Amino acid sequence: MSELRLNAYRIMWLFVFFDLPTNTKAERRHATQFRKALEKDGFTMMQFSVYVRHCPSKENLEVHLRRVRRSMPPAGFTTLLSVTDRQYAEIRNFWGKTERSRPETPQQLEFF
């Protein structure tokens, strides 16, 4: 039981929120490259400008955080948020008036 509790606080989730300009062809290219870099690094799209990635430890999260920072476009606004698995478990999603719980495993996230 204590091992399960420890894991809930050690496992991390990294969220990337962004608002990128897409007025010019170059800006659209940068935005597309950024989204593709996130997907290549194992992030899953929750919404069009919100991506999330499961990280088994804080150290692993730091690696992915650095990769995101390196791939960020020159213009636009990007926010990175890290939460523990325990905090992630408290997410509530609503579609209309119906509540759906979060996925139980990272693999289920893509079908969420």
N, C-alpha and C. Protein backbone atom coordinates (compact mmCIF):
# COMPACT_ATOMS: atom_id res chain seq x y z
N MET A 1 0.82 -1.19 0.00
CA MET A 1 0.00 0.00 0.00
C MET A 1 0.86 1.26 0.00
N SER A 2 1.92 1.29 0.83
CA SER A 2 2.77 2.48 0.88
C SER A 2 3.50 2.68 -0.45
N GLU A 3 3.83 1.55 -1.14
CA GLU A 3 4.47 1.67 -2.45
C GLU A 3 3.53 2.33 -3.45
N LEU A 4 2.26 1.97 -3.41
CA LEU A 4 1.27 2.58 -4.29
C LEU A 4 1.14 4.07 -4.00
N ARG A 5 1.11 4.44 -2.73
CA ARG A 5 1.00 5.84 -2.35
C ARG A 5 2.23 6.62 -2.80
N LEU A 6 3.42 6.05 -2.64
CA LEU A 6 4.66 6.70 -3.06
C LEU A 6 4.65 6.93 -4.57
N ASN A 7 4.21 5.94 -5.34
CA ASN A 7 4.17 6.09 -6.79
C ASN A 7 3.21 7.19 -7.23
N ALA A 8 2.11 7.35 -6.53
CA ALA A 8 1.15 8.38 -6.89
C ALA A 8 1.74 9.78 -6.78
N TYR A 9 2.75 9.93 -5.94
CA TYR A 9 3.39 11.23 -5.79
C TYR A 9 4.68 11.33 -6.59
N ARG A 10 5.23 10.21 -7.02
CA ARG A 10 6.48 10.21 -7.78
C ARG A 10 6.22 10.29 -9.29
N ILE A 11 5.20 9.61 -9.75
CA ILE A 11 4.84 9.65 -11.18
C ILE A 11 4.33 11.05 -11.51
N MET A 12 4.76 11.57 -12.64
CA MET A 12 4.42 12.94 -13.01
C MET A 12 3.71 12.99 -14.36
N TRP A 13 3.01 14.06 -14.58
CA TRP A 13 2.38 14.36 -15.87
C TRP A 13 2.83 15.75 -16.27
N LEU A 14 3.19 15.92 -17.53
CA LEU A 14 3.62 17.21 -18.03
C LEU A 14 2.60 17.70 -19.05
N PHE A 15 2.03 18.86 -18.78
CA PHE A 15 1.07 19.50 -19.68
C PHE A 15 1.77 20.62 -20.43
N VAL A 16 1.44 20.77 -21.70
CA VAL A 16 1.93 21.88 -22.52
C VAL A 16 0.71 22.59 -23.08
N PHE A 17 0.56 23.85 -22.73
CA PHE A 17 -0.52 24.70 -23.23
C PHE A 17 0.12 25.75 -24.12
N PHE A 18 -0.44 25.99 -25.29
CA PHE A 18 0.19 27.00 -26.14
C PHE A 18 -0.83 27.75 -26.98
N ASP A 19 -0.46 28.97 -27.30
CA ASP A 19 -1.22 29.84 -28.19
C ASP A 19 -0.20 30.44 -29.15
N LEU A 20 -0.14 29.89 -30.35
CA LEU A 20 0.88 30.30 -31.31
C LEU A 20 0.27 31.08 -32.46
N PRO A 21 0.97 32.10 -32.94
CA PRO A 21 0.46 32.85 -34.08
C PRO A 21 0.50 31.99 -35.35
N THR A 22 -0.49 32.16 -36.20
CA THR A 22 -0.56 31.42 -37.46
C THR A 22 -0.96 32.34 -38.61
N ASN A 23 -0.56 33.59 -38.54
CA ASN A 23 -0.94 34.57 -39.56
C ASN A 23 -0.14 34.42 -40.85
N THR A 24 1.11 34.04 -40.73
CA THR A 24 1.95 33.92 -41.92
C THR A 24 2.27 32.44 -42.17
N LYS A 25 2.77 32.18 -43.36
CA LYS A 25 3.15 30.81 -43.71
C LYS A 25 4.25 30.31 -42.77
N ALA A 26 5.21 31.16 -42.45
CA ALA A 26 6.31 30.77 -41.56
C ALA A 26 5.79 30.46 -40.15
N GLU A 27 4.85 31.26 -39.65
CA GLU A 27 4.28 31.01 -38.32
C GLU A 27 3.50 29.69 -38.30
N ARG A 28 2.75 29.41 -39.35
CA ARG A 28 2.02 28.14 -39.44
C ARG A 28 3.00 26.96 -39.46
N ARG A 29 4.10 27.11 -40.19
CA ARG A 29 5.11 26.06 -40.25
C ARG A 29 5.72 25.82 -38.88
N HIS A 30 6.06 26.90 -38.15
CA HIS A 30 6.63 26.77 -36.80
C HIS A 30 5.64 26.07 -35.86
N ALA A 31 4.36 26.45 -35.94
CA ALA A 31 3.34 25.83 -35.08
C ALA A 31 3.20 24.34 -35.38
N THR A 32 3.19 23.99 -36.66
CA THR A 32 3.08 22.59 -37.06
C THR A 32 4.30 21.80 -36.60
N GLN A 33 5.47 22.37 -36.77
CA GLN A 33 6.70 21.70 -36.33
C GLN A 33 6.69 21.48 -34.81
N PHE A 34 6.18 22.44 -34.07
CA PHE A 34 6.11 22.32 -32.62
C PHE A 34 5.17 21.18 -32.21
N ARG A 35 3.98 21.15 -32.81
CA ARG A 35 3.03 20.07 -32.51
C ARG A 35 3.61 18.70 -32.87
N LYS A 36 4.28 18.61 -34.01
CA LYS A 36 4.89 17.34 -34.43
C LYS A 36 6.02 16.93 -33.48
N ALA A 37 6.79 17.90 -32.99
CA ALA A 37 7.86 17.60 -32.04
C ALA A 37 7.28 17.07 -30.73
N LEU A 38 6.16 17.64 -30.29
CA LEU A 38 5.50 17.15 -29.08
C LEU A 38 5.04 15.70 -29.27
N GLU A 39 4.41 15.43 -30.39
CA GLU A 39 3.93 14.08 -30.66
C GLU A 39 5.09 13.08 -30.77
N LYS A 40 6.16 13.50 -31.39
CA LYS A 40 7.34 12.64 -31.53
C LYS A 40 7.94 12.31 -30.16
N ASP A 41 7.81 13.24 -29.22
CA ASP A 41 8.35 13.05 -27.88
C ASP A 41 7.37 12.32 -26.96
N GLY A 42 6.26 11.83 -27.50
CA GLY A 42 5.34 11.02 -26.71
C GLY A 42 4.18 11.75 -26.09
N PHE A 43 3.98 13.00 -26.45
CA PHE A 43 2.83 13.75 -25.94
C PHE A 43 1.57 13.35 -26.70
N THR A 44 0.44 13.44 -26.02
CA THR A 44 -0.87 13.17 -26.62
C THR A 44 -1.70 14.44 -26.57
N MET A 45 -2.41 14.72 -27.65
CA MET A 45 -3.24 15.91 -27.70
C MET A 45 -4.50 15.70 -26.86
N MET A 46 -4.74 16.59 -25.89
CA MET A 46 -5.99 16.58 -25.13
C MET A 46 -7.00 17.50 -25.81
N GLN A 47 -6.53 18.64 -26.24
CA GLN A 47 -7.29 19.59 -27.04
C GLN A 47 -6.30 20.13 -28.06
N PHE A 48 -6.75 20.94 -29.00
CA PHE A 48 -5.86 21.36 -30.08
C PHE A 48 -4.57 22.00 -29.57
N SER A 49 -4.63 22.83 -28.55
CA SER A 49 -3.44 23.51 -28.04
C SER A 49 -3.06 23.05 -26.64
N VAL A 50 -3.47 21.83 -26.29
CA VAL A 50 -3.14 21.27 -24.98
C VAL A 50 -2.65 19.84 -25.20
N TYR A 51 -1.41 19.59 -24.79
CA TYR A 51 -0.81 18.26 -24.92
C TYR A 51 -0.37 17.79 -23.54
N VAL A 52 -0.37 16.48 -23.34
CA VAL A 52 0.01 15.91 -22.04
C VAL A 52 0.88 14.68 -22.27
N ARG A 53 1.79 14.46 -21.31
CA ARG A 53 2.68 13.30 -21.39
C ARG A 53 2.89 12.71 -20.00
N HIS A 54 2.81 11.41 -19.90
CA HIS A 54 3.09 10.67 -18.67
C HIS A 54 4.60 10.55 -18.51
N CYS A 55 5.09 10.82 -17.31
CA CYS A 55 6.52 10.68 -17.01
C CYS A 55 6.65 9.83 -15.74
N PRO A 56 7.42 8.75 -15.79
CA PRO A 56 7.51 7.86 -14.63
C PRO A 56 8.25 8.45 -13.43
N SER A 57 8.92 9.57 -13.60
CA SER A 57 9.64 10.19 -12.47
C SER A 57 9.86 11.67 -12.74
N LYS A 58 10.22 12.38 -11.69
CA LYS A 58 10.54 13.81 -11.82
C LYS A 58 11.75 14.01 -12.73
N GLU A 59 12.72 13.12 -12.64
CA GLU A 59 13.92 13.21 -13.48
C GLU A 59 13.55 13.06 -14.96
N ASN A 60 12.67 12.12 -15.26
CA ASN A 60 12.22 11.93 -16.63
C ASN A 60 11.43 13.15 -17.12
N LEU A 61 10.64 13.74 -16.24
CA LEU A 61 9.89 14.95 -16.58
C LEU A 61 10.83 16.07 -16.98
N GLU A 62 11.94 16.22 -16.27
CA GLU A 62 12.91 17.28 -16.57
C GLU A 62 13.50 17.11 -17.98
N VAL A 63 13.72 15.87 -18.39
CA VAL A 63 14.23 15.60 -19.74
C VAL A 63 13.24 16.11 -20.79
N HIS A 64 11.97 15.78 -20.61
CA HIS A 64 10.96 16.18 -21.58
C HIS A 64 10.69 17.68 -21.53
N LEU A 65 10.79 18.25 -20.36
CA LEU A 65 10.63 19.70 -20.23
C LEU A 65 11.69 20.43 -21.05
N ARG A 66 12.94 19.95 -20.97
CA ARG A 66 14.01 20.58 -21.76
C ARG A 66 13.76 20.40 -23.27
N ARG A 67 13.27 19.23 -23.67
CA ARG A 67 12.98 19.01 -25.09
C ARG A 67 11.90 19.95 -25.59
N VAL A 68 10.87 20.17 -24.78
CA VAL A 68 9.80 21.09 -25.18
C VAL A 68 10.36 22.49 -25.32
N ARG A 69 11.15 22.91 -24.37
CA ARG A 69 11.72 24.28 -24.43
C ARG A 69 12.58 24.47 -25.66
N ARG A 70 13.33 23.42 -26.06
CA ARG A 70 14.18 23.53 -27.26
C ARG A 70 13.36 23.61 -28.54
N SER A 71 12.18 23.00 -28.54
CA SER A 71 11.38 22.96 -29.78
C SER A 71 10.35 24.08 -29.88
N MET A 72 10.28 24.96 -28.88
CA MET A 72 9.28 26.02 -28.91
C MET A 72 9.54 27.00 -30.05
N PRO A 73 8.48 27.44 -30.72
CA PRO A 73 8.63 28.42 -31.82
C PRO A 73 9.12 29.76 -31.30
N PRO A 74 9.65 30.58 -32.20
CA PRO A 74 10.18 31.88 -31.77
C PRO A 74 9.11 32.85 -31.29
N ALA A 75 7.87 32.69 -31.74
CA ALA A 75 6.78 33.59 -31.35
C ALA A 75 5.66 32.78 -30.71
N GLY A 76 4.83 33.46 -29.93
CA GLY A 76 3.70 32.79 -29.32
C GLY A 76 3.88 32.62 -27.83
N PHE A 77 2.91 32.00 -27.22
CA PHE A 77 2.86 31.84 -25.77
C PHE A 77 2.75 30.36 -25.44
N THR A 78 3.64 29.86 -24.57
CA THR A 78 3.64 28.45 -24.19
C THR A 78 3.74 28.36 -22.66
N THR A 79 2.90 27.51 -22.07
CA THR A 79 2.92 27.28 -20.64
C THR A 79 3.17 25.80 -20.39
N LEU A 80 4.05 25.49 -19.46
CA LEU A 80 4.34 24.11 -19.08
C LEU A 80 3.88 23.93 -17.63
N LEU A 81 3.16 22.85 -17.39
CA LEU A 81 2.65 22.57 -16.06
C LEU A 81 2.93 21.11 -15.72
N SER A 82 3.56 20.87 -14.58
CA SER A 82 3.80 19.50 -14.14
C SER A 82 2.94 19.23 -12.91
N VAL A 83 2.34 18.05 -12.88
CA VAL A 83 1.51 17.64 -11.75
C VAL A 83 1.85 16.20 -11.40
N THR A 84 1.62 15.83 -10.15
CA THR A 84 1.83 14.45 -9.75
C THR A 84 0.69 13.60 -10.25
N ASP A 85 0.89 12.29 -10.27
CA ASP A 85 -0.17 11.37 -10.68
C ASP A 85 -1.37 11.51 -9.76
N ARG A 86 -1.11 11.78 -8.51
CA ARG A 86 -2.20 11.98 -7.53
C ARG A 86 -3.04 13.20 -7.90
N GLN A 87 -2.39 14.30 -8.27
CA GLN A 87 -3.12 15.49 -8.69
C GLN A 87 -3.86 15.24 -10.00
N TYR A 88 -3.21 14.53 -10.92
CA TYR A 88 -3.82 14.21 -12.21
C TYR A 88 -5.10 13.40 -12.02
N ALA A 89 -5.13 12.57 -11.00
CA ALA A 89 -6.30 11.74 -10.73
C ALA A 89 -7.53 12.58 -10.39
N GLU A 90 -7.31 13.82 -9.99
CA GLU A 90 -8.43 14.70 -9.61
C GLU A 90 -9.03 15.46 -10.79
N ILE A 91 -8.50 15.28 -11.99
CA ILE A 91 -9.05 15.96 -13.16
C ILE A 91 -10.47 15.47 -13.42
N ARG A 92 -11.35 16.38 -13.68
CA ARG A 92 -12.73 16.05 -14.06
C ARG A 92 -12.99 16.66 -15.43
N ASN A 93 -13.47 15.86 -16.35
CA ASN A 93 -13.79 16.31 -17.70
C ASN A 93 -15.29 16.23 -17.91
N PHE A 94 -15.85 17.24 -18.56
CA PHE A 94 -17.28 17.28 -18.80
C PHE A 94 -17.55 17.44 -20.29
N TRP A 95 -18.42 16.62 -20.81
CA TRP A 95 -18.91 16.75 -22.18
C TRP A 95 -20.40 16.99 -22.04
N GLY A 96 -20.82 18.22 -22.31
CA GLY A 96 -22.20 18.57 -22.02
C GLY A 96 -22.39 18.52 -20.52
N LYS A 97 -23.39 17.77 -20.06
CA LYS A 97 -23.65 17.67 -18.62
C LYS A 97 -23.14 16.35 -18.05
N THR A 98 -22.43 15.56 -18.86
CA THR A 98 -21.96 14.25 -18.43
C THR A 98 -20.51 14.32 -18.00
N GLU A 99 -20.21 13.79 -16.82
CA GLU A 99 -18.83 13.75 -16.33
C GLU A 99 -18.20 12.42 -16.73
N ARG A 100 -16.93 12.49 -17.18
CA ARG A 100 -16.16 11.28 -17.48
C ARG A 100 -14.91 11.31 -16.63
N SER A 101 -14.55 10.17 -16.07
CA SER A 101 -13.34 10.11 -15.24
C SER A 101 -12.12 10.06 -16.13
N ARG A 102 -10.95 10.29 -15.53
CA ARG A 102 -9.70 10.27 -16.29
C ARG A 102 -9.34 8.85 -16.67
N PRO A 103 -8.50 8.65 -17.67
CA PRO A 103 -8.04 7.31 -18.03
C PRO A 103 -7.25 6.69 -16.89
N GLU A 104 -7.32 5.38 -16.77
CA GLU A 104 -6.60 4.69 -15.71
C GLU A 104 -5.13 4.49 -16.04
N THR A 105 -4.78 4.37 -17.32
CA THR A 105 -3.40 4.14 -17.72
C THR A 105 -3.03 5.11 -18.82
N PRO A 106 -1.73 5.37 -19.02
CA PRO A 106 -1.31 6.25 -20.11
C PRO A 106 -1.76 5.74 -21.48
N GLN A 107 -1.86 4.42 -21.66
CA GLN A 107 -2.26 3.87 -22.95
C GLN A 107 -3.72 4.21 -23.25
N GLN A 108 -4.55 4.33 -22.22
CA GLN A 108 -5.96 4.65 -22.44
C GLN A 108 -6.15 6.11 -22.81
N LEU A 109 -5.16 6.95 -22.56
CA LEU A 109 -5.28 8.37 -22.81
C LEU A 109 -5.62 8.67 -24.26
N GLU A 110 -5.03 7.93 -25.21
CA GLU A 110 -5.28 8.22 -26.60
C GLU A 110 -6.71 7.92 -27.01
N PHE A 111 -7.41 7.11 -26.23
CA PHE A 111 -8.81 6.79 -26.54
C PHE A 111 -9.77 7.61 -25.70
N PHE A 112 -9.26 8.46 -24.85
CA PHE A 112 -10.04 9.24 -23.90
C PHE A 112 -10.87 10.27 -24.58
